[in-house]
Structure formats: structure tokens, C-alpha cells
PDB file of all heavy atoms in Angstrom:
ATOM      1  N   THR A   1       6.148  -5.713 -22.948  1.00  0.00           N
ATOM      2  CA  THR A   1       6.309  -5.868 -24.511  1.00  0.00           C
ATOM      3  C   THR A   1       5.885  -7.257 -25.071  1.00  0.00           C
ATOM      4  O   THR A   1       5.943  -7.445 -26.241  1.00  0.00           O
ATOM      5  CB  THR A   1       7.570  -5.439 -24.902  1.00  0.00           C
ATOM      6  OG1 THR A   1       8.742  -6.289 -24.414  1.00  0.00           O
ATOM      7  CG2 THR A   1       7.963  -3.868 -24.581  1.00  0.00           C
ATOM      8  N   GLY A   2       5.724  -8.121 -24.061  1.00  0.00           N
ATOM      9  CA  GLY A   2       5.397  -9.534 -24.383  1.00  0.00           C
ATOM     10  C   GLY A   2       3.906  -9.722 -24.671  1.00  0.00           C
ATOM     11  O   GLY A   2       3.087  -8.748 -24.714  1.00  0.00           O
ATOM     12  N   SER A   3       3.509 -10.940 -24.894  1.00  0.00           N
ATOM     13  CA  SER A   3       2.086 -11.159 -25.335  1.00  0.00           C
ATOM     14  C   SER A   3       1.133 -10.784 -24.306  1.00  0.00           C
ATOM     15  O   SER A   3       0.057 -10.040 -24.491  1.00  0.00           O
ATOM     16  CB  SER A   3       1.911 -12.675 -25.641  1.00  0.00           C
ATOM     17  OG  SER A   3       0.545 -12.947 -25.975  1.00  0.00           O
ATOM     18  N   ILE A   4       1.323 -11.227 -23.059  1.00  0.00           N
ATOM     19  CA  ILE A   4       0.437 -10.840 -21.905  1.00  0.00           C
ATOM     20  C   ILE A   4       0.523  -9.360 -21.629  1.00  0.00           C
ATOM     21  O   ILE A   4      -0.508  -8.803 -21.405  1.00  0.00           O
ATOM     22  CB  ILE A   4       0.806 -11.707 -20.679  1.00  0.00           C
ATOM     23  CG1 ILE A   4       0.612 -13.173 -20.944  1.00  0.00           C
ATOM     24  CG2 ILE A   4      -0.005 -11.179 -19.422  1.00  0.00           C
ATOM     25  CD1 ILE A   4      -0.832 -13.638 -21.223  1.00  0.00           C
ATOM     26  N   GLY A   5       1.738  -8.823 -21.658  1.00  0.00           N
ATOM     27  CA  GLY A   5       1.952  -7.439 -21.370  1.00  0.00           C
ATOM     28  C   GLY A   5       1.184  -6.635 -22.234  1.00  0.00           C
ATOM     29  O   GLY A   5       0.526  -5.542 -21.855  1.00  0.00           O
ATOM     30  N   THR A   6       1.170  -6.789 -23.529  1.00  0.00           N
ATOM     31  CA  THR A   6       0.646  -6.007 -24.503  1.00  0.00           C
ATOM     32  C   THR A   6      -0.872  -6.039 -24.426  1.00  0.00           C
ATOM     33  O   THR A   6      -1.557  -5.043 -24.652  1.00  0.00           O
ATOM     34  CB  THR A   6       1.083  -6.330 -26.042  1.00  0.00           C
ATOM     35  OG1 THR A   6       1.066  -7.593 -26.166  1.00  0.00           O
ATOM     36  CG2 THR A   6       2.600  -5.907 -26.187  1.00  0.00           C
ATOM     37  N   GLN A   7      -1.303  -7.255 -24.240  1.00  0.00           N
ATOM     38  CA  GLN A   7      -2.883  -7.480 -24.020  1.00  0.00           C
ATOM     39  C   GLN A   7      -3.286  -6.718 -22.616  1.00  0.00           C
ATOM     40  O   GLN A   7      -4.395  -6.152 -22.663  1.00  0.00           O
ATOM     41  CB  GLN A   7      -3.197  -8.900 -24.022  1.00  0.00           C
ATOM     42  CG  GLN A   7      -2.992  -9.539 -25.278  1.00  0.00           C
ATOM     43  CD  GLN A   7      -3.332 -11.059 -25.384  1.00  0.00           C
ATOM     44  OE1 GLN A   7      -4.557 -11.435 -25.536  1.00  0.00           O
ATOM     45  NE2 GLN A   7      -2.355 -11.900 -25.163  1.00  0.00           N
ATOM     46  N   THR A   8      -2.541  -6.755 -21.667  1.00  0.00           N
ATOM     47  CA  THR A   8      -2.769  -6.008 -20.407  1.00  0.00           C
ATOM     48  C   THR A   8      -2.999  -4.535 -20.861  1.00  0.00           C
ATOM     49  O   THR A   8      -3.918  -3.931 -20.335  1.00  0.00           O
ATOM     50  CB  THR A   8      -1.723  -6.174 -19.396  1.00  0.00           C
ATOM     51  OG1 THR A   8      -1.574  -7.575 -18.977  1.00  0.00           O
ATOM     52  CG2 THR A   8      -2.068  -5.452 -18.096  1.00  0.00           C
ATOM     53  N   LEU A   9      -2.075  -4.044 -21.498  1.00  0.00           N
ATOM     54  CA  LEU A   9      -2.204  -2.559 -21.957  1.00  0.00           C
ATOM     55  C   LEU A   9      -3.415  -2.344 -22.744  1.00  0.00           C
ATOM     56  O   LEU A   9      -3.902  -1.145 -22.692  1.00  0.00           O
ATOM     57  CB  LEU A   9      -0.874  -2.147 -22.592  1.00  0.00           C
ATOM     58  CG  LEU A   9       0.355  -2.217 -21.728  1.00  0.00           C
ATOM     59  CD1 LEU A   9       1.561  -1.680 -22.460  1.00  0.00           C
ATOM     60  CD2 LEU A   9       0.190  -1.415 -20.400  1.00  0.00           C
ATOM     61  N   ASP A  10      -3.772  -3.318 -23.536  1.00  0.00           N
ATOM     62  CA  ASP A  10      -5.121  -3.184 -24.336  1.00  0.00           C
ATOM     63  C   ASP A  10      -6.231  -2.855 -23.424  1.00  0.00           C
ATOM     64  O   ASP A  10      -7.174  -2.030 -23.703  1.00  0.00           O
ATOM     65  CB  ASP A  10      -5.350  -4.353 -25.163  1.00  0.00           C
ATOM     66  CG  ASP A  10      -4.450  -4.503 -26.355  1.00  0.00           C
ATOM     67  OD1 ASP A  10      -3.963  -3.375 -26.779  1.00  0.00           O
ATOM     68  OD2 ASP A  10      -4.367  -5.556 -26.997  1.00  0.00           O
ATOM     69  N   ILE A  11      -6.269  -3.590 -22.237  1.00  0.00           N
ATOM     70  CA  ILE A  11      -7.276  -3.446 -21.350  1.00  0.00           C
ATOM     71  C   ILE A  11      -7.273  -2.150 -20.610  1.00  0.00           C
ATOM     72  O   ILE A  11      -8.301  -1.505 -20.410  1.00  0.00           O
ATOM     73  CB  ILE A  11      -7.223  -4.599 -20.080  1.00  0.00           C
ATOM     74  CG1 ILE A  11      -7.626  -5.993 -21.047  1.00  0.00           C
ATOM     75  CG2 ILE A  11      -8.226  -4.359 -19.161  1.00  0.00           C
ATOM     76  CD1 ILE A  11      -7.262  -7.159 -20.174  1.00  0.00           C
ATOM     77  N   VAL A  12      -6.080  -1.628 -20.334  1.00  0.00           N
ATOM     78  CA  VAL A  12      -5.857  -0.374 -19.771  1.00  0.00           C
ATOM     79  C   VAL A  12      -6.340   0.711 -20.764  1.00  0.00           C
ATOM     80  O   VAL A  12      -7.063   1.672 -20.391  1.00  0.00           O
ATOM     81  CB  VAL A  12      -4.448  -0.056 -19.410  1.00  0.00           C
ATOM     82  CG1 VAL A  12      -4.180   1.486 -18.833  1.00  0.00           C
ATOM     83  CG2 VAL A  12      -3.983  -0.949 -18.338  1.00  0.00           C
ATOM     84  N   ARG A  13      -6.201   0.515 -22.134  1.00  0.00           N
ATOM     85  CA  ARG A  13      -6.734   1.421 -22.988  1.00  0.00           C
ATOM     86  C   ARG A  13      -8.321   1.554 -22.985  1.00  0.00           C
ATOM     87  O   ARG A  13      -8.899   2.651 -23.263  1.00  0.00           O
ATOM     88  CB  ARG A  13      -6.205   1.059 -24.437  1.00  0.00           C
ATOM     89  CG  ARG A  13      -4.910   1.332 -24.691  1.00  0.00           C
ATOM     90  CD  ARG A  13      -4.562   0.918 -26.193  1.00  0.00           C
ATOM     91  NE  ARG A  13      -3.095   1.068 -26.384  1.00  0.00           N
ATOM     92  CZ  ARG A  13      -2.245   0.105 -26.458  1.00  0.00           C
ATOM     93  NH1 ARG A  13      -2.543  -1.147 -26.239  1.00  0.00           N
ATOM     94  NH2 ARG A  13      -0.873   0.233 -26.612  1.00  0.00           N
ATOM     95  N   ASN A  14      -8.867   0.415 -22.681  1.00  0.00           N
ATOM     96  CA  ASN A  14     -10.262   0.258 -22.666  1.00  0.00           C
ATOM     97  C   ASN A  14     -10.998   1.025 -21.415  1.00  0.00           C
ATOM     98  O   ASN A  14     -12.039   1.373 -21.426  1.00  0.00           O
ATOM     99  CB  ASN A  14     -10.730  -1.153 -22.749  1.00  0.00           C
ATOM    100  CG  ASN A  14     -10.566  -1.849 -24.069  1.00  0.00           C
ATOM    101  OD1 ASN A  14     -10.490  -1.164 -24.979  1.00  0.00           O
ATOM    102  ND2 ASN A  14     -10.404  -3.171 -23.996  1.00  0.00           N
ATOM    103  N   TYR A  15     -10.143   1.121 -20.427  1.00  0.00           N
ATOM    104  CA  TYR A  15     -10.587   1.665 -19.000  1.00  0.00           C
ATOM    105  C   TYR A  15      -9.576   2.601 -18.549  1.00  0.00           C
ATOM    106  O   TYR A  15      -9.094   2.471 -17.423  1.00  0.00           O
ATOM    107  CB  TYR A  15     -10.892   0.440 -18.085  1.00  0.00           C
ATOM    108  CG  TYR A  15     -12.081  -0.257 -18.428  1.00  0.00           C
ATOM    109  CD1 TYR A  15     -11.949  -1.501 -19.065  1.00  0.00           C
ATOM    110  CD2 TYR A  15     -13.277   0.146 -18.108  1.00  0.00           C
ATOM    111  CE1 TYR A  15     -13.124  -2.317 -19.463  1.00  0.00           C
ATOM    112  CE2 TYR A  15     -14.516  -0.475 -18.398  1.00  0.00           C
ATOM    113  CZ  TYR A  15     -14.345  -1.731 -19.066  1.00  0.00           C
ATOM    114  OH  TYR A  15     -15.477  -2.508 -19.469  1.00  0.00           O
ATOM    115  N   PRO A  16      -9.368   3.835 -19.272  1.00  0.00           N
ATOM    116  CA  PRO A  16      -8.319   4.695 -18.792  1.00  0.00           C
ATOM    117  C   PRO A  16      -8.776   5.454 -17.510  1.00  0.00           C
ATOM    118  O   PRO A  16      -8.009   6.030 -16.810  1.00  0.00           O
ATOM    119  CB  PRO A  16      -8.244   5.695 -19.893  1.00  0.00           C
ATOM    120  CG  PRO A  16      -9.583   5.576 -20.669  1.00  0.00           C
ATOM    121  CD  PRO A  16      -9.929   4.122 -20.516  1.00  0.00           C
ATOM    122  N   ASP A  17     -10.153   5.444 -17.169  1.00  0.00           N
ATOM    123  CA  ASP A  17     -10.655   6.022 -16.004  1.00  0.00           C
ATOM    124  C   ASP A  17     -10.636   5.026 -14.742  1.00  0.00           C
ATOM    125  O   ASP A  17     -10.873   5.509 -13.585  1.00  0.00           O
ATOM    126  CB  ASP A  17     -12.077   6.456 -16.348  1.00  0.00           C
ATOM    127  CG  ASP A  17     -12.992   5.296 -16.659  1.00  0.00           C
ATOM    128  OD1 ASP A  17     -12.561   4.307 -17.265  1.00  0.00           O
ATOM    129  OD2 ASP A  17     -14.176   5.348 -16.276  1.00  0.00           O
ATOM    130  N   ARG A  18     -10.188   3.808 -15.058  1.00  0.00           N
ATOM    131  CA  ARG A  18     -10.270   2.912 -13.904  1.00  0.00           C
ATOM    132  C   ARG A  18      -8.890   2.263 -13.657  1.00  0.00           C
ATOM    133  O   ARG A  18      -8.559   1.745 -12.531  1.00  0.00           O
ATOM    134  CB  ARG A  18     -11.147   1.638 -14.264  1.00  0.00           C
ATOM    135  CG  ARG A  18     -12.621   1.949 -14.495  1.00  0.00           C
ATOM    136  CD  ARG A  18     -13.307   2.306 -13.154  1.00  0.00           C
ATOM    137  NE  ARG A  18     -13.247   1.144 -12.272  1.00  0.00           N
ATOM    138  CZ  ARG A  18     -14.085   0.158 -12.181  1.00  0.00           C
ATOM    139  NH1 ARG A  18     -15.255   0.226 -12.952  1.00  0.00           N
ATOM    140  NH2 ARG A  18     -14.075  -0.758 -11.205  1.00  0.00           N
ATOM    141  N   LEU A  19      -8.036   2.290 -14.664  1.00  0.00           N
ATOM    142  CA  LEU A  19      -6.668   1.825 -14.546  1.00  0.00           C
ATOM    143  C   LEU A  19      -5.571   2.736 -14.961  1.00  0.00           C
ATOM    144  O   LEU A  19      -5.682   3.585 -15.954  1.00  0.00           O
ATOM    145  CB  LEU A  19      -6.582   0.575 -15.447  1.00  0.00           C
ATOM    146  CG  LEU A  19      -7.457  -0.670 -15.162  1.00  0.00           C
ATOM    147  CD1 LEU A  19      -7.296  -1.685 -16.268  1.00  0.00           C
ATOM    148  CD2 LEU A  19      -7.091  -1.224 -13.794  1.00  0.00           C
ATOM    149  N   GLU A  20      -4.487   2.813 -14.167  1.00  0.00           N
ATOM    150  CA  GLU A  20      -3.414   3.696 -14.400  1.00  0.00           C
ATOM    151  C   GLU A  20      -2.072   2.953 -14.422  1.00  0.00           C
ATOM    152  O   GLU A  20      -1.752   2.237 -13.501  1.00  0.00           O
ATOM    153  CB  GLU A  20      -3.300   4.937 -13.459  1.00  0.00           C
ATOM    154  CG  GLU A  20      -2.217   5.827 -13.719  1.00  0.00           C
ATOM    155  CD  GLU A  20      -2.009   7.013 -12.749  1.00  0.00           C
ATOM    156  OE1 GLU A  20      -2.939   7.048 -11.739  1.00  0.00           O
ATOM    157  OE2 GLU A  20      -1.035   7.673 -12.771  1.00  0.00           O
ATOM    158  N   ILE A  21      -1.273   3.138 -15.353  1.00  0.00           N
ATOM    159  CA  ILE A  21       0.026   2.470 -15.470  1.00  0.00           C
ATOM    160  C   ILE A  21       1.075   3.383 -14.838  1.00  0.00           C
ATOM    161  O   ILE A  21       1.259   4.509 -15.137  1.00  0.00           O
ATOM    162  CB  ILE A  21       0.524   2.306 -16.881  1.00  0.00           C
ATOM    163  CG1 ILE A  21      -0.410   1.290 -17.681  1.00  0.00           C
ATOM    164  CG2 ILE A  21       2.017   1.726 -17.008  1.00  0.00           C
ATOM    165  CD1 ILE A  21      -0.346  -0.102 -17.085  1.00  0.00           C
ATOM    166  N   VAL A  22       1.738   2.873 -13.718  1.00  0.00           N
ATOM    167  CA  VAL A  22       2.713   3.572 -12.998  1.00  0.00           C
ATOM    168  C   VAL A  22       4.052   3.077 -13.295  1.00  0.00           C
ATOM    169  O   VAL A  22       5.067   3.851 -13.090  1.00  0.00           O
ATOM    170  CB  VAL A  22       2.482   3.725 -11.474  1.00  0.00           C
ATOM    171  CG1 VAL A  22       1.177   4.331 -11.150  1.00  0.00           C
ATOM    172  CG2 VAL A  22       2.487   2.358 -10.917  1.00  0.00           C
ATOM    173  N   ALA A  23       4.252   1.960 -13.818  1.00  0.00           N
ATOM    174  CA  ALA A  23       5.643   1.301 -14.089  1.00  0.00           C
ATOM    175  C   ALA A  23       5.527   0.200 -15.219  1.00  0.00           C
ATOM    176  O   ALA A  23       4.549  -0.540 -15.188  1.00  0.00           O
ATOM    177  CB  ALA A  23       6.253   0.736 -12.789  1.00  0.00           C
ATOM    178  N   LEU A  24       6.558   0.175 -15.965  1.00  0.00           N
ATOM    179  CA  LEU A  24       6.727  -0.821 -17.082  1.00  0.00           C
ATOM    180  C   LEU A  24       8.083  -1.335 -17.055  1.00  0.00           C
ATOM    181  O   LEU A  24       9.017  -0.703 -16.794  1.00  0.00           O
ATOM    182  CB  LEU A  24       6.333  -0.092 -18.484  1.00  0.00           C
ATOM    183  CG  LEU A  24       4.923   0.422 -18.637  1.00  0.00           C
ATOM    184  CD1 LEU A  24       4.854   1.143 -19.997  1.00  0.00           C
ATOM    185  CD2 LEU A  24       3.926  -0.756 -18.603  1.00  0.00           C
ATOM    186  N   ALA A  25       8.081  -2.638 -17.418  1.00  0.00           N
ATOM    187  CA  ALA A  25       9.505  -3.184 -17.533  1.00  0.00           C
ATOM    188  C   ALA A  25       9.458  -4.217 -18.800  1.00  0.00           C
ATOM    189  O   ALA A  25       8.468  -4.920 -19.100  1.00  0.00           O
ATOM    190  CB  ALA A  25       9.953  -4.000 -16.312  1.00  0.00           C
ATOM    191  N   ALA A  26      10.645  -4.216 -19.343  1.00  0.00           N
ATOM    192  CA  ALA A  26      10.740  -5.088 -20.578  1.00  0.00           C
ATOM    193  C   ALA A  26      12.146  -5.694 -20.648  1.00  0.00           C
ATOM    194  O   ALA A  26      13.069  -5.245 -20.036  1.00  0.00           O
ATOM    195  CB  ALA A  26      10.482  -4.377 -21.965  1.00  0.00           C
ATOM    196  N   GLY A  27      12.272  -6.704 -21.468  1.00  0.00           N
ATOM    197  CA  GLY A  27      13.615  -7.415 -21.673  1.00  0.00           C
ATOM    198  C   GLY A  27      14.507  -6.588 -22.608  1.00  0.00           C
ATOM    199  O   GLY A  27      15.531  -6.108 -22.259  1.00  0.00           O
ATOM    200  N   SER A  28      14.214  -6.634 -23.895  1.00  0.00           N
ATOM    201  CA  SER A  28      15.149  -5.920 -24.828  1.00  0.00           C
ATOM    202  C   SER A  28      14.369  -5.086 -25.921  1.00  0.00           C
ATOM    203  O   SER A  28      15.080  -4.446 -26.719  1.00  0.00           O
ATOM    204  CB  SER A  28      15.887  -7.009 -25.570  1.00  0.00           C
ATOM    205  OG  SER A  28      15.056  -7.936 -26.288  1.00  0.00           O
ATOM    206  N   SER A  29      13.137  -5.017 -25.841  1.00  0.00           N
ATOM    207  CA  SER A  29      12.317  -4.323 -26.842  1.00  0.00           C
ATOM    208  C   SER A  29      12.215  -2.766 -26.694  1.00  0.00           C
ATOM    209  O   SER A  29      11.160  -2.375 -26.139  1.00  0.00           O
ATOM    210  CB  SER A  29      10.910  -4.804 -27.134  1.00  0.00           C
ATOM    211  OG  SER A  29      11.039  -6.273 -27.402  1.00  0.00           O
ATOM    212  N   VAL A  30      13.335  -2.065 -26.862  1.00  0.00           N
ATOM    213  CA  VAL A  30      13.477  -0.767 -26.494  1.00  0.00           C
ATOM    214  C   VAL A  30      12.461   0.074 -27.200  1.00  0.00           C
ATOM    215  O   VAL A  30      11.747   0.957 -26.629  1.00  0.00           O
ATOM    216  CB  VAL A  30      14.848  -0.125 -26.794  1.00  0.00           C
ATOM    217  CG1 VAL A  30      15.004   1.309 -26.479  1.00  0.00           C
ATOM    218  CG2 VAL A  30      15.893  -0.932 -25.935  1.00  0.00           C
ATOM    219  N   GLU A  31      12.395  -0.030 -28.528  1.00  0.00           N
ATOM    220  CA  GLU A  31      11.441   0.740 -29.340  1.00  0.00           C
ATOM    221  C   GLU A  31      10.027   0.687 -28.912  1.00  0.00           C
ATOM    222  O   GLU A  31       9.277   1.718 -28.699  1.00  0.00           O
ATOM    223  CB  GLU A  31      11.667   0.322 -30.807  1.00  0.00           C
ATOM    224  CG  GLU A  31      10.768   1.277 -31.690  1.00  0.00           C
ATOM    225  CD  GLU A  31      11.112   1.036 -33.166  1.00  0.00           C
ATOM    226  OE1 GLU A  31      12.102   0.336 -33.495  1.00  0.00           O
ATOM    227  OE2 GLU A  31      10.288   1.465 -33.921  1.00  0.00           O
ATOM    228  N   LEU A  32       9.564  -0.600 -28.629  1.00  0.00           N
ATOM    229  CA  LEU A  32       8.211  -0.850 -28.187  1.00  0.00           C
ATOM    230  C   LEU A  32       7.951  -0.249 -26.869  1.00  0.00           C
ATOM    231  O   LEU A  32       6.921   0.473 -26.574  1.00  0.00           O
ATOM    232  CB  LEU A  32       7.902  -2.320 -28.287  1.00  0.00           C
ATOM    233  CG  LEU A  32       6.333  -2.605 -27.871  1.00  0.00           C
ATOM    234  CD1 LEU A  32       5.365  -1.760 -28.658  1.00  0.00           C
ATOM    235  CD2 LEU A  32       6.088  -4.145 -28.051  1.00  0.00           C
ATOM    236  N   LEU A  33       8.998  -0.359 -25.883  1.00  0.00           N
ATOM    237  CA  LEU A  33       8.675   0.182 -24.577  1.00  0.00           C
ATOM    238  C   LEU A  33       8.690   1.752 -24.694  1.00  0.00           C
ATOM    239  O   LEU A  33       7.828   2.223 -23.842  1.00  0.00           O
ATOM    240  CB  LEU A  33       9.807  -0.295 -23.623  1.00  0.00           C
ATOM    241  CG  LEU A  33       9.690   0.083 -22.218  1.00  0.00           C
ATOM    242  CD1 LEU A  33       8.384  -0.406 -21.571  1.00  0.00           C
ATOM    243  CD2 LEU A  33      10.734  -0.439 -21.308  1.00  0.00           C
ATOM    244  N   GLU A  34       9.506   2.373 -25.475  1.00  0.00           N
ATOM    245  CA  GLU A  34       9.366   3.763 -25.631  1.00  0.00           C
ATOM    246  C   GLU A  34       8.048   4.128 -26.074  1.00  0.00           C
ATOM    247  O   GLU A  34       7.361   5.193 -25.544  1.00  0.00           O
ATOM    248  CB  GLU A  34      10.502   4.277 -26.703  1.00  0.00           C
ATOM    249  CG  GLU A  34      10.308   5.755 -26.938  1.00  0.00           C
ATOM    250  CD  GLU A  34      11.071   6.346 -28.229  1.00  0.00           C
ATOM    251  OE1 GLU A  34      11.604   5.331 -28.931  1.00  0.00           O
ATOM    252  OE2 GLU A  34      10.871   7.435 -28.372  1.00  0.00           O
ATOM    253  N   GLN A  35       7.386   3.542 -27.152  1.00  0.00           N
ATOM    254  CA  GLN A  35       6.108   3.816 -27.469  1.00  0.00           C
ATOM    255  C   GLN A  35       5.077   3.626 -26.370  1.00  0.00           C
ATOM    256  O   GLN A  35       4.205   4.457 -26.113  1.00  0.00           O
ATOM    257  CB  GLN A  35       5.591   2.843 -28.604  1.00  0.00           C
ATOM    258  CG  GLN A  35       6.345   2.979 -29.901  1.00  0.00           C
ATOM    259  CD  GLN A  35       6.034   1.853 -30.880  1.00  0.00           C
ATOM    260  OE1 GLN A  35       5.153   1.223 -30.774  1.00  0.00           O
ATOM    261  NE2 GLN A  35       6.980   1.843 -31.855  1.00  0.00           N
ATOM    262  N   GLN A  36       5.253   2.626 -25.445  1.00  0.00           N
ATOM    263  CA  GLN A  36       4.223   2.438 -24.345  1.00  0.00           C
ATOM    264  C   GLN A  36       4.438   3.481 -23.331  1.00  0.00           C
ATOM    265  O   GLN A  36       3.525   4.054 -22.768  1.00  0.00           O
ATOM    266  CB  GLN A  36       4.669   1.057 -23.821  1.00  0.00           C
ATOM    267  CG  GLN A  36       4.172  -0.116 -24.620  1.00  0.00           C
ATOM    268  CD  GLN A  36       4.633  -1.487 -24.055  1.00  0.00           C
ATOM    269  OE1 GLN A  36       5.430  -1.520 -23.051  1.00  0.00           O
ATOM    270  NE2 GLN A  36       4.134  -2.491 -24.536  1.00  0.00           N
TER     271      GLN A  36
END
């Protein structure tokens, strides 16, 4: 949910056929992590 993390997910969005998210972790941003 941080700056680097959200930009990493932007890249995954660009390449859904090449990258798959299997795990996510965040500090305290529950709402944003739910969305992710």
C-alpha cells in the first residue's frame, strides 16, 4: 500500500499475462489492502 508497492501493482496491471500476485502485506491501510 506504500509508494513502491502501489507502483509495483501498476506494473502487474500492465502485464497480467506475465506477472501474478500470490501474496500482499501492508502496515495499517486496511481499506486499500482490501481493494488490492
